[in-house]
Amino acid sequence: MKPPEELRPRKDDQPIRPSRLEEMRLLIEEYAAGLREIIKKLLRKLN
């Protein structure tokens, strides 16, 4: 049995989530930024 219309969550009320591809892209960007910071620190120590 389906719930009545007024009890079902509406799509307008749901928060907008990024697509899976966009989520993965953001994760990769964060990871790459972290690696860049590590490389900068290592280069400073070597110089």
C-alpha atoms as a PDB file:
ATOM      1  CA  MET A   1       0.000   0.000   0.000  1.00  0.00           C
ATOM      2  CA  LYS A   2       1.393   3.386  -1.000  1.00  0.00           C
ATOM      3  CA  PRO A   3       1.438   6.205   1.561  1.00  0.00           C
ATOM      4  CA  PRO A   4      -0.878   9.159   0.906  1.00  0.00           C
ATOM      5  CA  GLU A   5       0.535  12.039  -1.126  1.00  0.00           C
ATOM      6  CA  GLU A   6       0.852  14.409   1.839  1.00  0.00           C
ATOM      7  CA  LEU A   7       3.006  11.930   3.821  1.00  0.00           C
ATOM      8  CA  ARG A   8       5.500  11.253   1.038  1.00  0.00           C
ATOM      9  CA  PRO A   9       8.617  13.467   0.984  1.00  0.00           C
ATOM     10  CA  ARG A  10       8.569  15.848  -1.926  1.00  0.00           C
ATOM     11  CA  LYS A  11      11.569  16.189  -4.183  1.00  0.00           C
ATOM     12  CA  ASP A  12      11.515  19.961  -3.636  1.00  0.00           C
ATOM     13  CA  ASP A  13      12.112  19.463   0.106  1.00  0.00           C
ATOM     14  CA  GLN A  14      15.112  17.173  -0.351  1.00  0.00           C
ATOM     15  CA  PRO A  15      18.585  18.766  -0.307  1.00  0.00           C
ATOM     16  CA  ILE A  16      20.382  18.846  -3.625  1.00  0.00           C
ATOM     17  CA  ARG A  17      23.226  16.335  -3.639  1.00  0.00           C
ATOM     18  CA  PRO A  18      26.097  16.428  -6.088  1.00  0.00           C
ATOM     19  CA  SER A  19      26.300  13.549  -8.519  1.00  0.00           C
ATOM     20  CA  ARG A  20      28.570  10.627  -7.727  1.00  0.00           C
ATOM     21  CA  LEU A  21      31.006  11.831 -10.368  1.00  0.00           C
ATOM     22  CA  GLU A  22      31.122  15.280  -8.773  1.00  0.00           C
ATOM     23  CA  GLU A  23      31.624  13.725  -5.306  1.00  0.00           C
ATOM     24  CA  MET A  24      34.548  11.671  -6.598  1.00  0.00           C
ATOM     25  CA  ARG A  25      36.025  14.714  -8.349  1.00  0.00           C
ATOM     26  CA  LEU A  26      35.884  16.713  -5.096  1.00  0.00           C
ATOM     27  CA  LEU A  27      37.525  13.871  -3.161  1.00  0.00           C
ATOM     28  CA  ILE A  28      40.322  13.636  -5.711  1.00  0.00           C
ATOM     29  CA  GLU A  29      40.859  17.407  -5.606  1.00  0.00           C
ATOM     30  CA  GLU A  30      41.122  17.323  -1.794  1.00  0.00           C
ATOM     31  CA  TYR A  31      43.554  14.400  -1.965  1.00  0.00           C
ATOM     32  CA  ALA A  32      45.695  16.155  -4.584  1.00  0.00           C
ATOM     33  CA  ALA A  33      45.735  19.360  -2.512  1.00  0.00           C
ATOM     34  CA  GLY A  34      46.970  17.361   0.476  1.00  0.00           C
ATOM     35  CA  LEU A  35      49.713  15.772  -1.616  1.00  0.00           C
ATOM     36  CA  ARG A  36      50.773  19.213  -2.888  1.00  0.00           C
ATOM     37  CA  GLU A  37      51.123  20.432   0.701  1.00  0.00           C
ATOM     38  CA  ILE A  38      53.240  17.402   1.617  1.00  0.00           C
ATOM     39  CA  ILE A  39      55.490  17.960  -1.408  1.00  0.00           C
ATOM     40  CA  LYS A  40      55.922  21.651  -0.524  1.00  0.00           C
ATOM     41  CA  LYS A  41      56.914  20.762   3.049  1.00  0.00           C
ATOM     42  CA  LEU A  42      59.390  18.132   1.859  1.00  0.00           C
ATOM     43  CA  LEU A  43      60.954  20.549  -0.633  1.00  0.00           C
ATOM     44  CA  ARG A  44      61.352  23.169   2.108  1.00  0.00           C
ATOM     45  CA  LYS A  45      63.135  20.641   4.313  1.00  0.00           C
ATOM     46  CA  LEU A  46      65.451  19.544   1.506  1.00  0.00           C
ATOM     47  CA  ASN A  47      66.508  23.111   0.655  1.00  0.00           C
END
